[in-house]
N, C-alpha and C. Protein backbone atom coordinates (compact mmCIF):
# COMPACT_ATOMS: atom_id res chain seq x y z
N MET A 1 30.35 -45.89 -38.40
CA MET A 1 31.27 -45.59 -39.68
C MET A 1 31.91 -47.18 -40.06
N LEU A 2 32.08 -46.62 -41.42
CA LEU A 2 32.56 -48.18 -42.04
C LEU A 2 33.72 -47.47 -43.22
N VAL A 3 34.49 -48.43 -43.02
CA VAL A 3 35.45 -47.95 -43.73
C VAL A 3 36.10 -49.06 -44.59
N ALA A 4 36.26 -48.75 -46.28
CA ALA A 4 35.78 -50.27 -46.88
C ALA A 4 37.65 -49.46 -48.21
N ARG A 5 37.86 -50.58 -48.50
CA ARG A 5 39.13 -50.13 -49.57
C ARG A 5 38.96 -51.43 -50.99
N TRP A 6 38.82 -50.75 -51.78
CA TRP A 6 38.85 -51.76 -53.11
C TRP A 6 39.57 -51.57 -53.85
N THR A 7 39.68 -52.53 -55.13
CA THR A 7 40.44 -52.33 -56.41
C THR A 7 39.59 -53.15 -57.17
N ILE A 8 39.55 -52.14 -58.60
CA ILE A 8 39.09 -52.52 -59.77
C ILE A 8 39.91 -52.89 -60.38
N LEU A 9 40.28 -53.83 -61.14
CA LEU A 9 41.06 -54.77 -62.19
C LEU A 9 40.57 -54.59 -63.79
N GLY A 10 41.47 -54.33 -64.32
CA GLY A 10 41.15 -54.84 -65.97
C GLY A 10 41.26 -55.81 -66.43
N ASP A 11 40.89 -56.16 -67.62
CA ASP A 11 40.74 -57.90 -67.93
C ASP A 11 42.07 -58.38 -67.89
N ASP A 12 43.04 -58.20 -67.95
CA ASP A 12 44.17 -58.41 -67.78
C ASP A 12 44.69 -59.32 -66.13
N ASN A 13 43.64 -58.83 -65.48
CA ASN A 13 43.82 -59.15 -64.07
C ASN A 13 44.87 -58.53 -62.86
N LYS A 14 45.64 -57.46 -63.87
CA LYS A 14 46.57 -57.09 -63.53
C LYS A 14 46.70 -55.54 -63.30
N THR A 15 45.81 -54.82 -64.29
CA THR A 15 46.03 -53.40 -64.38
C THR A 15 45.25 -52.94 -63.77
N VAL A 16 45.45 -52.14 -62.92
CA VAL A 16 44.84 -51.58 -61.64
C VAL A 16 43.51 -50.29 -62.15
N LEU A 17 42.49 -50.13 -62.27
CA LEU A 17 41.97 -49.12 -63.23
C LEU A 17 41.41 -48.07 -61.85
N ALA A 18 41.38 -48.85 -60.97
CA ALA A 18 40.60 -48.06 -59.78
C ALA A 18 41.09 -48.48 -58.32
N ASP A 19 41.55 -47.90 -57.36
CA ASP A 19 42.00 -48.64 -55.88
C ASP A 19 41.81 -47.20 -55.11
N GLU A 20 40.99 -47.57 -54.62
CA GLU A 20 40.35 -46.40 -53.39
C GLU A 20 39.71 -47.15 -51.90
N ARG A 21 39.95 -46.43 -51.24
CA ARG A 21 39.52 -46.51 -49.72
C ARG A 21 38.45 -45.28 -49.70
N ALA A 22 37.54 -46.07 -48.44
CA ALA A 22 36.14 -44.70 -48.40
C ALA A 22 36.10 -44.94 -46.66
N THR A 23 35.21 -43.90 -46.30
CA THR A 23 35.14 -44.11 -44.96
C THR A 23 33.67 -42.93 -45.09
N ILE A 24 32.93 -43.97 -44.50
CA ILE A 24 31.15 -43.43 -44.61
C ILE A 24 30.52 -43.46 -42.82
N ILE A 25 30.44 -42.33 -43.00
CA ILE A 25 29.83 -42.03 -41.41
C ILE A 25 28.53 -41.65 -41.36
N THR A 26 27.35 -42.39 -40.83
CA THR A 26 26.48 -42.53 -40.62
C THR A 26 25.50 -41.98 -39.21
N ASN A 27 24.66 -41.42 -39.38
CA ASN A 27 24.42 -40.94 -37.72
C ASN A 27 23.05 -42.15 -37.34
N VAL A 28 22.79 -42.79 -36.10
CA VAL A 28 21.74 -43.30 -35.68
C VAL A 28 20.81 -42.96 -34.75
N ALA A 29 19.68 -43.02 -35.38
CA ALA A 29 18.52 -42.27 -34.70
C ALA A 29 18.75 -43.05 -32.87
N GLN A 30 18.26 -42.21 -32.10
CA GLN A 30 18.18 -42.52 -31.04
C GLN A 30 16.89 -42.27 -30.40
N THR A 31 16.64 -42.95 -28.90
CA THR A 31 15.17 -42.55 -28.62
C THR A 31 15.90 -42.41 -27.32
N THR A 32 14.94 -42.15 -26.36
CA THR A 32 15.06 -41.58 -24.69
C THR A 32 15.72 -42.55 -24.20
N SER A 33 15.50 -44.38 -24.74
CA SER A 33 16.54 -45.29 -24.00
C SER A 33 17.69 -45.42 -24.61
N GLY A 34 17.71 -44.74 -25.71
CA GLY A 34 19.40 -45.17 -26.48
C GLY A 34 19.10 -45.37 -27.78
N MET A 35 19.96 -46.27 -28.44
CA MET A 35 20.28 -46.90 -29.51
C MET A 35 19.65 -47.90 -29.53
N SER A 36 18.26 -48.26 -30.69
CA SER A 36 17.60 -49.00 -30.59
C SER A 36 18.27 -50.28 -31.70
N ASP A 37 18.24 -51.35 -31.84
CA ASP A 37 18.95 -52.58 -32.78
C ASP A 37 18.36 -52.21 -34.16
N PRO A 38 17.08 -51.99 -34.55
CA PRO A 38 16.73 -51.55 -35.69
C PRO A 38 17.01 -50.40 -36.24
N ALA A 39 17.56 -49.39 -35.07
CA ALA A 39 18.07 -47.84 -36.00
C ALA A 39 19.60 -48.33 -36.12
N VAL A 40 20.25 -49.35 -35.55
CA VAL A 40 21.61 -49.46 -35.85
C VAL A 40 21.73 -50.15 -37.28
N VAL A 41 21.12 -51.06 -37.38
CA VAL A 41 20.76 -51.92 -38.89
C VAL A 41 20.54 -51.11 -39.71
N THR A 42 19.30 -50.07 -39.62
CA THR A 42 19.32 -49.25 -40.64
C THR A 42 20.44 -48.22 -41.12
N ALA A 43 20.82 -47.28 -39.86
CA ALA A 43 22.04 -46.68 -40.54
C ALA A 43 23.32 -47.50 -40.82
N MET A 44 23.40 -49.11 -41.02
CA MET A 44 24.85 -49.59 -40.90
C MET A 44 24.18 -50.01 -42.73
N ALA A 45 22.53 -50.30 -43.25
CA ALA A 45 22.52 -50.58 -44.85
C ALA A 45 22.63 -49.18 -45.52
N GLY A 46 22.26 -47.89 -44.73
CA GLY A 46 22.60 -46.74 -45.34
C GLY A 46 23.91 -46.67 -45.81
N ALA A 47 24.59 -47.14 -44.78
CA ALA A 47 26.26 -47.12 -45.31
C ALA A 47 26.33 -47.68 -46.23
N VAL A 48 26.30 -49.36 -46.49
CA VAL A 48 26.32 -50.16 -47.26
C VAL A 48 25.98 -49.37 -48.74
N THR A 49 24.72 -49.00 -48.47
CA THR A 49 24.23 -48.49 -50.08
C THR A 49 25.22 -47.41 -50.39
N GLN A 50 25.51 -46.15 -49.19
CA GLN A 50 26.40 -45.56 -50.24
C GLN A 50 27.61 -46.13 -50.53
N LEU A 51 28.22 -46.99 -49.74
CA LEU A 51 29.09 -47.32 -50.15
C LEU A 51 29.34 -48.30 -51.92
N ALA A 52 28.09 -48.97 -52.08
CA ALA A 52 27.77 -49.53 -53.26
C ALA A 52 27.56 -48.68 -54.32
N ASP A 53 27.03 -47.06 -54.03
CA ASP A 53 26.86 -46.08 -55.04
C ASP A 53 28.13 -45.67 -55.43
N HIS A 54 29.35 -45.77 -54.68
CA HIS A 54 30.69 -44.66 -54.67
C HIS A 54 31.41 -45.52 -55.47
N ILE A 55 31.17 -47.15 -55.48
CA ILE A 55 32.16 -48.05 -55.94
C ILE A 55 31.44 -48.00 -57.34
N ALA A 56 30.27 -48.15 -57.48
CA ALA A 56 29.29 -48.05 -59.17
C ALA A 56 29.82 -46.73 -59.89
N VAL A 57 30.20 -45.19 -59.26
CA VAL A 57 30.43 -44.33 -59.99
C VAL A 57 31.40 -44.81 -60.23
N ASN A 58 32.82 -45.11 -59.56
CA ASN A 58 33.95 -45.34 -59.77
C ASN A 58 34.04 -46.44 -61.09
N LEU A 59 33.92 -47.65 -60.60
CA LEU A 59 33.50 -48.87 -61.92
C LEU A 59 33.20 -47.77 -63.14
N SER A 60 32.43 -47.31 -63.07
CA SER A 60 31.73 -46.61 -64.40
C SER A 60 32.56 -45.87 -65.17
N ARG A 61 33.31 -45.15 -64.15
CA ARG A 61 34.03 -43.91 -64.65
C ARG A 61 35.29 -44.60 -64.91
N SER A 62 35.83 -45.97 -64.31
CA SER A 62 36.83 -46.36 -64.77
C SER A 62 36.94 -47.26 -66.17
N LEU A 63 35.65 -47.71 -66.14
CA LEU A 63 35.41 -48.34 -67.74
C LEU A 63 35.52 -47.53 -68.74
N ARG A 64 34.95 -46.39 -68.40
CA ARG A 64 34.77 -45.36 -69.42
C ARG A 64 36.14 -44.73 -70.20
N ASN A 65 37.11 -44.70 -68.67
CA ASN A 65 38.23 -44.38 -69.10
C ASN A 65 39.25 -45.16 -69.84
N SER A 66 38.99 -46.71 -69.82
CA SER A 66 39.76 -47.31 -70.30
C SER A 66 39.05 -48.52 -71.47
N GLY A 67 37.87 -48.45 -71.15
CA GLY A 67 37.38 -48.59 -72.37
C GLY A 67 37.56 -50.39 -72.43
N ALA A 68 38.13 -50.83 -71.03
CA ALA A 68 37.98 -52.28 -70.87
C ALA A 68 36.96 -52.60 -69.93
N ALA A 69 36.53 -53.76 -69.97
CA ALA A 69 35.57 -54.86 -68.85
C ALA A 69 36.89 -54.63 -67.73
N ALA A 70 36.05 -55.04 -66.17
CA ALA A 70 36.78 -55.21 -65.37
C ALA A 70 36.04 -55.93 -63.98
N ARG A 71 36.57 -56.34 -63.40
CA ARG A 71 36.00 -57.29 -62.35
C ARG A 71 36.47 -56.89 -60.98
N PRO A 72 35.67 -57.29 -59.77
CA PRO A 72 36.33 -57.02 -58.63
C PRO A 72 37.57 -57.67 -58.71
N ALA A 73 38.57 -57.50 -57.70
CA ALA A 73 39.57 -58.40 -57.53
C ALA A 73 39.82 -59.57 -57.17
N ASN A 74 38.62 -60.03 -55.87
CA ASN A 74 38.66 -61.28 -55.34
C ASN A 74 37.77 -61.92 -56.06
N LEU A 75 37.34 -61.65 -57.47
CA LEU A 75 36.91 -62.63 -58.04
C LEU A 75 38.01 -63.14 -59.12
N ALA A 76 37.65 -64.56 -59.03
CA ALA A 76 38.80 -65.27 -60.44
C ALA A 76 38.36 -64.92 -61.67
N PRO A 77 39.00 -65.00 -62.96
CA PRO A 77 38.63 -64.64 -64.05
C PRO A 77 37.96 -65.90 -64.47
N PRO A 78 37.18 -65.64 -65.52
CA PRO A 78 36.34 -66.60 -65.99
C PRO A 78 37.35 -67.59 -66.67
N SER A 79 36.83 -69.01 -66.59
CA SER A 79 37.89 -70.03 -67.24
C SER A 79 37.33 -70.40 -68.68
N ALA A 80 38.21 -70.39 -69.16
CA ALA A 80 38.55 -70.53 -70.88
C ALA A 80 37.77 -72.25 -70.99
N HIS A 81 37.00 -72.38 -71.88
CA HIS A 81 36.81 -73.98 -72.39
C HIS A 81 36.97 -74.00 -73.30
């Protein structure tokens, strides 16, 4: 299970365009001896891919609705030179 929360901010770095939480559950393929490391890694990679797709859809929708550019909250705004 992957639980993630993210925020998409507008150009002013204050306006919240999207603020969401996602829980993604994936199944791990089991063999007769249990779960293998490669099977766990494959399931985890699938969960991250699903999360990325979910964020991309929300980012696209947020940008379309606001008409503004956005960047993830943990990235610093571009510096003016």
